[in-house]
Amino acid sequence: MITIAVILQVAANMAIAKMGAGIGAGLAAIGAGIGIGRIGGSAVEAIARQPEAVGDIRSNMIIAAALIEGVAFFAIIICFLIFFL
């Protein structure tokens, strides 16, 4: 027979897991924001130093930002799966 202590322990672990999922989603969003901000700042600086390379710099910046967005989206989806399951 399952005792009350086991039920309370499982409930406490689920609360900790949900809290961890929320913190993980927040950290993923913050990390992506910082990464994309640094990419944008570096791209603007590179364009200011070498204006004739605008096309190459812009395309590389968009690819790098898309990769960071993909990783952040994956991390947030995993956190939501932990939170809701």
N, C-alpha and C. Protein backbone atom coordinates (compact mmCIF):
# COMPACT_ATOMS: atom_id res chain seq x y z
N MET A 1 0.84 -1.17 0.00
CA MET A 1 0.00 0.00 0.00
C MET A 1 0.89 1.25 0.00
N ILE A 2 0.50 2.24 -0.77
CA ILE A 2 1.25 3.49 -0.84
C ILE A 2 0.89 4.34 0.38
N THR A 3 1.90 4.79 1.05
CA THR A 3 1.65 5.60 2.24
C THR A 3 1.60 7.08 1.89
N ILE A 4 1.13 7.87 2.81
CA ILE A 4 1.04 9.32 2.63
C ILE A 4 2.43 9.94 2.44
N ALA A 5 3.43 9.41 3.12
CA ALA A 5 4.79 9.94 3.02
C ALA A 5 5.32 9.80 1.59
N VAL A 6 5.04 8.68 0.94
CA VAL A 6 5.50 8.47 -0.44
C VAL A 6 4.79 9.44 -1.37
N ILE A 7 3.51 9.63 -1.19
CA ILE A 7 2.75 10.56 -2.03
C ILE A 7 3.26 11.98 -1.87
N LEU A 8 3.53 12.40 -0.64
CA LEU A 8 4.04 13.75 -0.39
C LEU A 8 5.43 13.93 -0.99
N GLN A 9 6.25 12.88 -0.92
CA GLN A 9 7.60 12.98 -1.48
C GLN A 9 7.54 13.12 -3.00
N VAL A 10 6.67 12.37 -3.65
CA VAL A 10 6.52 12.48 -5.11
C VAL A 10 6.00 13.87 -5.48
N ALA A 11 5.04 14.39 -4.72
CA ALA A 11 4.50 15.71 -5.00
C ALA A 11 5.56 16.80 -4.83
N ALA A 12 6.40 16.66 -3.83
CA ALA A 12 7.47 17.63 -3.61
C ALA A 12 8.48 17.58 -4.75
N ASN A 13 8.81 16.38 -5.23
CA ASN A 13 9.75 16.25 -6.35
C ASN A 13 9.18 16.84 -7.62
N MET A 14 7.87 16.71 -7.84
CA MET A 14 7.26 17.29 -9.03
C MET A 14 7.29 18.82 -8.96
N ALA A 15 7.11 19.38 -7.78
CA ALA A 15 7.17 20.83 -7.64
C ALA A 15 8.58 21.34 -7.92
N ILE A 16 9.57 20.62 -7.46
CA ILE A 16 10.95 21.01 -7.71
C ILE A 16 11.27 20.88 -9.20
N ALA A 17 10.75 19.84 -9.85
CA ALA A 17 10.97 19.67 -11.29
C ALA A 17 10.33 20.80 -12.08
N LYS A 18 9.14 21.20 -11.69
CA LYS A 18 8.47 22.29 -12.39
C LYS A 18 9.19 23.62 -12.17
N MET A 19 9.70 23.83 -10.97
CA MET A 19 10.47 25.04 -10.71
C MET A 19 11.76 25.04 -11.54
N GLY A 20 12.40 23.90 -11.63
CA GLY A 20 13.61 23.79 -12.43
C GLY A 20 13.34 24.02 -13.91
N ALA A 21 12.18 23.53 -14.39
CA ALA A 21 11.82 23.75 -15.80
C ALA A 21 11.59 25.23 -16.07
N GLY A 22 10.95 25.91 -15.15
CA GLY A 22 10.74 27.35 -15.33
C GLY A 22 12.04 28.13 -15.33
N ILE A 23 12.93 27.78 -14.43
CA ILE A 23 14.24 28.44 -14.39
C ILE A 23 15.03 28.14 -15.66
N GLY A 24 14.95 26.90 -16.13
CA GLY A 24 15.66 26.53 -17.36
C GLY A 24 15.16 27.28 -18.57
N ALA A 25 13.84 27.46 -18.69
CA ALA A 25 13.28 28.21 -19.81
C ALA A 25 13.72 29.67 -19.75
N GLY A 26 13.75 30.24 -18.55
CA GLY A 26 14.21 31.61 -18.40
C GLY A 26 15.67 31.79 -18.77
N LEU A 27 16.49 30.86 -18.33
CA LEU A 27 17.92 30.93 -18.66
C LEU A 27 18.16 30.77 -20.16
N ALA A 28 17.38 29.90 -20.80
CA ALA A 28 17.53 29.72 -22.25
C ALA A 28 17.17 31.00 -22.99
N ALA A 29 16.11 31.67 -22.57
CA ALA A 29 15.70 32.92 -23.22
C ALA A 29 16.74 34.03 -22.98
N ILE A 30 17.24 34.11 -21.76
CA ILE A 30 18.25 35.13 -21.45
C ILE A 30 19.53 34.87 -22.24
N GLY A 31 19.96 33.62 -22.30
CA GLY A 31 21.16 33.28 -23.05
C GLY A 31 21.03 33.59 -24.53
N ALA A 32 19.87 33.30 -25.10
CA ALA A 32 19.65 33.61 -26.52
C ALA A 32 19.66 35.11 -26.75
N GLY A 33 19.07 35.86 -25.85
CA GLY A 33 19.06 37.31 -25.99
C GLY A 33 20.46 37.90 -25.94
N ILE A 34 21.26 37.40 -25.02
CA ILE A 34 22.64 37.88 -24.90
C ILE A 34 23.43 37.51 -26.15
N GLY A 35 23.26 36.28 -26.62
CA GLY A 35 24.00 35.83 -27.80
C GLY A 35 23.66 36.63 -29.05
N ILE A 36 22.38 36.85 -29.27
CA ILE A 36 21.96 37.60 -30.46
C ILE A 36 22.38 39.07 -30.34
N GLY A 37 22.34 39.61 -29.14
CA GLY A 37 22.82 40.97 -28.93
C GLY A 37 24.30 41.12 -29.25
N ARG A 38 25.07 40.14 -28.83
CA ARG A 38 26.51 40.21 -29.14
C ARG A 38 26.76 40.05 -30.64
N ILE A 39 26.00 39.19 -31.29
CA ILE A 39 26.15 39.03 -32.74
C ILE A 39 25.82 40.34 -33.45
N GLY A 40 24.72 40.97 -33.06
CA GLY A 40 24.32 42.23 -33.70
C GLY A 40 25.34 43.33 -33.48
N GLY A 41 25.86 43.44 -32.25
CA GLY A 41 26.87 44.45 -31.96
C GLY A 41 28.15 44.22 -32.74
N SER A 42 28.57 42.98 -32.82
CA SER A 42 29.79 42.67 -33.58
C SER A 42 29.59 42.92 -35.07
N ALA A 43 28.39 42.63 -35.58
CA ALA A 43 28.12 42.86 -36.99
C ALA A 43 28.14 44.35 -37.31
N VAL A 44 27.55 45.16 -36.47
CA VAL A 44 27.55 46.61 -36.69
C VAL A 44 28.97 47.14 -36.66
N GLU A 45 29.76 46.66 -35.71
CA GLU A 45 31.16 47.09 -35.64
C GLU A 45 31.94 46.66 -36.88
N ALA A 46 31.70 45.43 -37.34
CA ALA A 46 32.40 44.95 -38.53
C ALA A 46 31.99 45.73 -39.77
N ILE A 47 30.71 46.09 -39.88
CA ILE A 47 30.25 46.88 -41.03
C ILE A 47 30.84 48.29 -40.97
N ALA A 48 30.98 48.83 -39.76
CA ALA A 48 31.59 50.16 -39.64
C ALA A 48 33.06 50.14 -40.04
N ARG A 49 33.74 49.04 -39.76
CA ARG A 49 35.16 48.95 -40.14
C ARG A 49 35.35 48.66 -41.62
N GLN A 50 34.43 47.88 -42.20
CA GLN A 50 34.59 47.47 -43.59
C GLN A 50 33.23 47.53 -44.30
N PRO A 51 32.82 48.72 -44.73
CA PRO A 51 31.47 48.89 -45.30
C PRO A 51 31.23 48.09 -46.58
N GLU A 52 32.26 47.77 -47.31
CA GLU A 52 32.06 47.04 -48.58
C GLU A 52 31.69 45.58 -48.36
N ALA A 53 31.80 45.07 -47.15
CA ALA A 53 31.48 43.67 -46.87
C ALA A 53 30.12 43.52 -46.19
N VAL A 54 29.21 44.46 -46.43
CA VAL A 54 27.92 44.44 -45.75
C VAL A 54 27.15 43.16 -46.04
N GLY A 55 27.11 42.74 -47.28
CA GLY A 55 26.32 41.55 -47.65
C GLY A 55 26.80 40.29 -46.97
N ASP A 56 28.11 40.07 -46.97
CA ASP A 56 28.67 38.87 -46.34
C ASP A 56 28.46 38.89 -44.82
N ILE A 57 28.67 40.03 -44.22
CA ILE A 57 28.52 40.15 -42.77
C ILE A 57 27.06 39.92 -42.38
N ARG A 58 26.15 40.52 -43.13
CA ARG A 58 24.72 40.39 -42.82
C ARG A 58 24.26 38.94 -42.95
N SER A 59 24.67 38.26 -44.00
CA SER A 59 24.23 36.87 -44.18
C SER A 59 24.81 35.96 -43.09
N ASN A 60 26.06 36.18 -42.73
CA ASN A 60 26.65 35.38 -41.64
C ASN A 60 25.98 35.68 -40.31
N MET A 61 25.61 36.93 -40.08
CA MET A 61 24.93 37.31 -38.84
C MET A 61 23.56 36.64 -38.76
N ILE A 62 22.82 36.60 -39.86
CA ILE A 62 21.49 36.00 -39.86
C ILE A 62 21.58 34.50 -39.62
N ILE A 63 22.56 33.84 -40.21
CA ILE A 63 22.73 32.40 -40.01
C ILE A 63 23.08 32.10 -38.55
N ALA A 64 23.99 32.87 -37.99
CA ALA A 64 24.37 32.64 -36.59
C ALA A 64 23.20 32.91 -35.64
N ALA A 65 22.43 33.97 -35.90
CA ALA A 65 21.28 34.27 -35.06
C ALA A 65 20.22 33.18 -35.17
N ALA A 66 20.02 32.63 -36.36
CA ALA A 66 19.06 31.55 -36.53
C ALA A 66 19.49 30.30 -35.77
N LEU A 67 20.78 30.00 -35.76
CA LEU A 67 21.26 28.85 -35.00
C LEU A 67 21.04 29.04 -33.50
N ILE A 68 21.30 30.24 -33.02
CA ILE A 68 21.08 30.52 -31.60
C ILE A 68 19.59 30.42 -31.26
N GLU A 69 18.74 30.96 -32.12
CA GLU A 69 17.30 30.87 -31.90
C GLU A 69 16.84 29.41 -31.86
N GLY A 70 17.40 28.59 -32.74
CA GLY A 70 17.03 27.17 -32.77
C GLY A 70 17.39 26.46 -31.48
N VAL A 71 18.57 26.72 -30.97
CA VAL A 71 19.00 26.09 -29.72
C VAL A 71 18.14 26.57 -28.55
N ALA A 72 17.85 27.86 -28.52
CA ALA A 72 17.02 28.40 -27.44
C ALA A 72 15.61 27.83 -27.52
N PHE A 73 15.06 27.72 -28.71
CA PHE A 73 13.73 27.15 -28.89
C PHE A 73 13.70 25.69 -28.43
N PHE A 74 14.72 24.94 -28.76
CA PHE A 74 14.81 23.54 -28.33
C PHE A 74 14.85 23.46 -26.81
N ALA A 75 15.65 24.30 -26.17
CA ALA A 75 15.76 24.28 -24.71
C ALA A 75 14.44 24.65 -24.06
N ILE A 76 13.74 25.63 -24.60
CA ILE A 76 12.46 26.03 -24.02
C ILE A 76 11.41 24.94 -24.21
N ILE A 77 11.40 24.27 -25.34
CA ILE A 77 10.46 23.16 -25.56
C ILE A 77 10.72 22.03 -24.58
N ILE A 78 11.98 21.70 -24.35
CA ILE A 78 12.30 20.66 -23.38
C ILE A 78 11.84 21.06 -21.98
N CYS A 79 12.04 22.31 -21.61
CA CYS A 79 11.59 22.78 -20.30
C CYS A 79 10.07 22.71 -20.18
N PHE A 80 9.36 23.07 -21.25
CA PHE A 80 7.90 22.97 -21.21
C PHE A 80 7.43 21.53 -21.12
N LEU A 81 8.12 20.62 -21.79
CA LEU A 81 7.77 19.21 -21.67
C LEU A 81 7.94 18.72 -20.25
N ILE A 82 9.01 19.14 -19.60
CA ILE A 82 9.21 18.76 -18.20
C ILE A 82 8.14 19.37 -17.33
N PHE A 83 7.76 20.61 -17.63
CA PHE A 83 6.78 21.32 -16.82
C PHE A 83 5.39 20.69 -16.92
N PHE A 84 4.98 20.31 -18.12
CA PHE A 84 3.62 19.82 -18.32
C PHE A 84 3.47 18.30 -18.23
N LEU A 85 4.54 17.57 -18.26
CA LEU A 85 4.43 16.10 -18.17
C LEU A 85 4.83 15.57 -16.84
